[in-house]
Amino acid sequence: MYLDSKSKEEIFKKHGGSEANTGSAEGQIALFSYRISHLTEHLKKNRKDYATQRALQLLVGKRRSLLDYLTKKDINRYRAIVKELGLRR
């Protein structure tokens, strides 16, 4: 599988503060971004995989809602995670 527990721990350690803090908005946004990039590469090769396309759209929506939550909660954390991950907007 493309995402094992070690890579998840690294993502949460880098963005969430610690690997135990899996519920932080920054860690979840980073995890969603990793999964989105993986699914995007898959869809470039498999254009007609509509189930994956729907899963990608749902992930983008979840990430968007978490980013909106961060803008309302703490704008500095939002700006930091967007800059760190290189997200547009």
N, C-alpha and C. Protein backbone atom coordinates (compact mmCIF):
# COMPACT_ATOMS: atom_id res chain seq x y z
N MET A 1 0.84 -1.19 0.00
CA MET A 1 0.00 0.00 0.00
C MET A 1 0.88 1.24 0.00
N TYR A 2 0.38 2.29 -0.56
CA TYR A 2 1.17 3.50 -0.72
C TYR A 2 1.35 4.26 0.58
N LEU A 3 0.50 4.01 1.57
CA LEU A 3 0.55 4.78 2.82
C LEU A 3 0.56 3.80 3.99
N ASP A 4 1.76 3.52 4.51
CA ASP A 4 1.86 2.63 5.65
C ASP A 4 1.93 3.44 6.94
N SER A 5 1.98 2.75 8.06
CA SER A 5 1.91 3.44 9.35
C SER A 5 3.15 4.30 9.60
N LYS A 6 4.30 3.91 9.08
CA LYS A 6 5.52 4.70 9.28
C LYS A 6 5.44 6.04 8.56
N SER A 7 4.93 6.02 7.33
CA SER A 7 4.82 7.28 6.60
C SER A 7 3.77 8.19 7.23
N LYS A 8 2.68 7.59 7.78
CA LYS A 8 1.69 8.39 8.49
C LYS A 8 2.31 9.05 9.72
N GLU A 9 3.11 8.27 10.48
CA GLU A 9 3.77 8.82 11.65
C GLU A 9 4.68 9.98 11.29
N GLU A 10 5.40 9.86 10.17
CA GLU A 10 6.29 10.93 9.73
C GLU A 10 5.49 12.18 9.37
N ILE A 11 4.37 12.00 8.70
CA ILE A 11 3.54 13.15 8.32
C ILE A 11 3.01 13.85 9.56
N PHE A 12 2.48 13.08 10.52
CA PHE A 12 1.94 13.70 11.73
C PHE A 12 3.03 14.30 12.60
N LYS A 13 4.22 13.70 12.60
CA LYS A 13 5.32 14.25 13.38
C LYS A 13 5.79 15.59 12.80
N LYS A 14 5.82 15.65 11.49
CA LYS A 14 6.29 16.87 10.83
C LYS A 14 5.27 18.00 10.92
N HIS A 15 3.99 17.68 10.73
CA HIS A 15 2.97 18.73 10.64
C HIS A 15 2.08 18.82 11.87
N GLY A 16 1.90 17.73 12.60
CA GLY A 16 0.98 17.73 13.72
C GLY A 16 1.62 17.97 15.06
N GLY A 17 2.94 18.01 15.11
CA GLY A 17 3.63 18.24 16.37
C GLY A 17 4.24 16.95 16.91
N SER A 18 3.47 15.87 16.96
CA SER A 18 3.98 14.57 17.37
C SER A 18 3.17 13.50 16.65
N GLU A 19 3.72 12.28 16.64
CA GLU A 19 2.99 11.23 15.93
C GLU A 19 1.75 10.79 16.69
N ALA A 20 1.64 11.14 17.97
CA ALA A 20 0.45 10.81 18.75
C ALA A 20 -0.68 11.80 18.51
N ASN A 21 -0.37 12.98 18.02
CA ASN A 21 -1.37 14.03 17.80
C ASN A 21 -1.96 13.89 16.40
N THR A 22 -2.76 12.85 16.20
CA THR A 22 -3.32 12.59 14.88
C THR A 22 -4.57 13.41 14.60
N GLY A 23 -5.11 14.08 15.59
CA GLY A 23 -6.34 14.83 15.41
C GLY A 23 -6.14 16.29 15.08
N SER A 24 -4.90 16.75 15.04
CA SER A 24 -4.67 18.16 14.75
C SER A 24 -5.07 18.48 13.31
N ALA A 25 -5.57 19.65 13.11
CA ALA A 25 -6.02 20.05 11.78
C ALA A 25 -4.84 20.07 10.79
N GLU A 26 -3.68 20.53 11.24
CA GLU A 26 -2.52 20.58 10.35
C GLU A 26 -2.09 19.19 9.90
N GLY A 27 -2.08 18.24 10.83
CA GLY A 27 -1.71 16.88 10.48
C GLY A 27 -2.68 16.24 9.51
N GLN A 28 -3.97 16.47 9.74
CA GLN A 28 -4.97 15.91 8.84
C GLN A 28 -4.91 16.54 7.46
N ILE A 29 -4.67 17.84 7.40
CA ILE A 29 -4.55 18.53 6.11
C ILE A 29 -3.34 17.98 5.35
N ALA A 30 -2.24 17.76 6.06
CA ALA A 30 -1.04 17.22 5.41
C ALA A 30 -1.29 15.81 4.90
N LEU A 31 -2.00 15.00 5.69
CA LEU A 31 -2.31 13.64 5.27
C LEU A 31 -3.24 13.64 4.05
N PHE A 32 -4.25 14.50 4.07
CA PHE A 32 -5.15 14.60 2.92
C PHE A 32 -4.38 15.07 1.68
N SER A 33 -3.45 15.99 1.85
CA SER A 33 -2.68 16.49 0.71
C SER A 33 -1.83 15.38 0.11
N TYR A 34 -1.26 14.54 0.96
CA TYR A 34 -0.47 13.41 0.47
C TYR A 34 -1.35 12.45 -0.32
N ARG A 35 -2.52 12.14 0.21
CA ARG A 35 -3.43 11.23 -0.47
C ARG A 35 -3.96 11.84 -1.76
N ILE A 36 -4.22 13.14 -1.76
CA ILE A 36 -4.70 13.82 -2.97
C ILE A 36 -3.65 13.75 -4.08
N SER A 37 -2.39 13.98 -3.73
CA SER A 37 -1.35 13.92 -4.76
C SER A 37 -1.20 12.50 -5.31
N HIS A 38 -1.35 11.50 -4.45
CA HIS A 38 -1.27 10.12 -4.91
C HIS A 38 -2.42 9.79 -5.86
N LEU A 39 -3.63 10.18 -5.50
CA LEU A 39 -4.79 9.89 -6.35
C LEU A 39 -4.73 10.68 -7.66
N THR A 40 -4.17 11.87 -7.63
CA THR A 40 -4.03 12.66 -8.84
C THR A 40 -3.10 11.97 -9.83
N GLU A 41 -2.00 11.42 -9.32
CA GLU A 41 -1.09 10.70 -10.20
C GLU A 41 -1.76 9.45 -10.77
N HIS A 42 -2.56 8.78 -9.96
CA HIS A 42 -3.28 7.59 -10.45
C HIS A 42 -4.25 7.97 -11.56
N LEU A 43 -4.95 9.09 -11.38
CA LEU A 43 -5.94 9.49 -12.39
C LEU A 43 -5.30 9.99 -13.68
N LYS A 44 -4.05 10.43 -13.62
CA LYS A 44 -3.38 10.82 -14.86
C LYS A 44 -3.16 9.60 -15.75
N LYS A 45 -2.95 8.43 -15.14
CA LYS A 45 -2.75 7.21 -15.91
C LYS A 45 -4.07 6.53 -16.25
N ASN A 46 -5.05 6.62 -15.34
CA ASN A 46 -6.32 5.92 -15.50
C ASN A 46 -7.45 6.94 -15.54
N ARG A 47 -7.68 7.49 -16.71
CA ARG A 47 -8.63 8.59 -16.85
C ARG A 47 -10.07 8.18 -16.53
N LYS A 48 -10.42 6.94 -16.78
CA LYS A 48 -11.82 6.54 -16.66
C LYS A 48 -12.15 5.87 -15.32
N ASP A 49 -11.29 6.01 -14.35
CA ASP A 49 -11.52 5.44 -13.03
C ASP A 49 -12.37 6.43 -12.22
N TYR A 50 -13.67 6.29 -12.37
CA TYR A 50 -14.59 7.27 -11.79
C TYR A 50 -14.74 7.12 -10.28
N ALA A 51 -14.53 5.93 -9.76
CA ALA A 51 -14.59 5.74 -8.31
C ALA A 51 -13.45 6.49 -7.63
N THR A 52 -12.28 6.42 -8.21
CA THR A 52 -11.14 7.17 -7.67
C THR A 52 -11.35 8.66 -7.83
N GLN A 53 -11.96 9.06 -8.93
CA GLN A 53 -12.25 10.48 -9.15
C GLN A 53 -13.18 11.02 -8.07
N ARG A 54 -14.20 10.23 -7.71
CA ARG A 54 -15.12 10.64 -6.66
C ARG A 54 -14.42 10.70 -5.31
N ALA A 55 -13.57 9.72 -5.03
CA ALA A 55 -12.82 9.72 -3.77
C ALA A 55 -11.92 10.94 -3.68
N LEU A 56 -11.32 11.31 -4.80
CA LEU A 56 -10.47 12.50 -4.84
C LEU A 56 -11.27 13.75 -4.56
N GLN A 57 -12.45 13.86 -5.15
CA GLN A 57 -13.29 15.03 -4.92
C GLN A 57 -13.72 15.13 -3.45
N LEU A 58 -14.02 13.98 -2.84
CA LEU A 58 -14.39 13.99 -1.42
C LEU A 58 -13.22 14.42 -0.55
N LEU A 59 -12.01 13.95 -0.87
CA LEU A 59 -10.83 14.34 -0.09
C LEU A 59 -10.55 15.83 -0.22
N VAL A 60 -10.69 16.35 -1.42
CA VAL A 60 -10.47 17.79 -1.62
C VAL A 60 -11.47 18.59 -0.81
N GLY A 61 -12.72 18.13 -0.75
CA GLY A 61 -13.74 18.80 0.04
C GLY A 61 -13.44 18.76 1.53
N LYS A 62 -12.96 17.62 2.02
CA LYS A 62 -12.61 17.50 3.43
C LYS A 62 -11.45 18.43 3.78
N ARG A 63 -10.44 18.46 2.89
CA ARG A 63 -9.30 19.34 3.14
C ARG A 63 -9.73 20.80 3.12
N ARG A 64 -10.63 21.14 2.19
CA ARG A 64 -11.12 22.51 2.09
C ARG A 64 -11.86 22.91 3.37
N SER A 65 -12.68 22.01 3.91
CA SER A 65 -13.42 22.34 5.12
C SER A 65 -12.49 22.49 6.31
N LEU A 66 -11.43 21.68 6.38
CA LEU A 66 -10.46 21.86 7.47
C LEU A 66 -9.70 23.17 7.32
N LEU A 67 -9.38 23.53 6.08
CA LEU A 67 -8.70 24.81 5.87
C LEU A 67 -9.61 25.99 6.24
N ASP A 68 -10.90 25.87 5.91
CA ASP A 68 -11.84 26.91 6.30
C ASP A 68 -11.96 27.02 7.81
N TYR A 69 -11.94 25.86 8.49
CA TYR A 69 -11.97 25.86 9.95
C TYR A 69 -10.76 26.58 10.51
N LEU A 70 -9.58 26.33 9.94
CA LEU A 70 -8.37 26.99 10.43
C LEU A 70 -8.41 28.50 10.19
N THR A 71 -9.00 28.93 9.08
CA THR A 71 -9.07 30.38 8.85
C THR A 71 -9.94 31.04 9.90
N LYS A 72 -11.01 30.39 10.31
CA LYS A 72 -11.88 30.96 11.34
C LYS A 72 -11.25 30.89 12.72
N LYS A 73 -10.54 29.79 12.99
CA LYS A 73 -9.99 29.54 14.33
C LYS A 73 -8.71 30.33 14.56
N ASP A 74 -7.74 30.19 13.65
CA ASP A 74 -6.44 30.84 13.83
C ASP A 74 -5.80 31.07 12.46
N ILE A 75 -5.84 32.31 12.00
CA ILE A 75 -5.38 32.63 10.65
C ILE A 75 -3.89 32.39 10.48
N ASN A 76 -3.11 32.54 11.56
CA ASN A 76 -1.66 32.32 11.45
C ASN A 76 -1.33 30.85 11.21
N ARG A 77 -2.05 29.95 11.85
CA ARG A 77 -1.86 28.52 11.62
C ARG A 77 -2.24 28.17 10.19
N TYR A 78 -3.31 28.78 9.68
CA TYR A 78 -3.75 28.56 8.30
C TYR A 78 -2.66 28.99 7.32
N ARG A 79 -2.14 30.18 7.51
CA ARG A 79 -1.11 30.69 6.61
C ARG A 79 0.15 29.83 6.65
N ALA A 80 0.49 29.34 7.84
CA ALA A 80 1.69 28.51 7.97
C ALA A 80 1.54 27.19 7.23
N ILE A 81 0.38 26.53 7.38
CA ILE A 81 0.20 25.23 6.73
C ILE A 81 0.08 25.37 5.22
N VAL A 82 -0.56 26.44 4.75
CA VAL A 82 -0.68 26.65 3.30
C VAL A 82 0.70 26.90 2.70
N LYS A 83 1.52 27.67 3.39
CA LYS A 83 2.86 27.96 2.89
C LYS A 83 3.74 26.71 2.94
N GLU A 84 3.61 25.95 4.02
CA GLU A 84 4.43 24.75 4.19
C GLU A 84 4.12 23.67 3.16
N LEU A 85 2.83 23.50 2.87
CA LEU A 85 2.43 22.47 1.91
C LEU A 85 2.40 22.97 0.47
N GLY A 86 2.49 24.27 0.28
CA GLY A 86 2.49 24.83 -1.06
C GLY A 86 1.13 24.77 -1.72
N LEU A 87 0.07 24.96 -0.94
CA LEU A 87 -1.28 24.92 -1.48
C LEU A 87 -1.63 26.27 -2.09
N ARG A 88 -2.46 26.23 -3.12
CA ARG A 88 -2.91 27.46 -3.73
C ARG A 88 -4.10 28.01 -2.98
N ARG A 89 -4.35 29.27 -3.08
CA ARG A 89 -5.50 30.00 -2.58
C ARG A 89 -5.11 31.22 -1.83
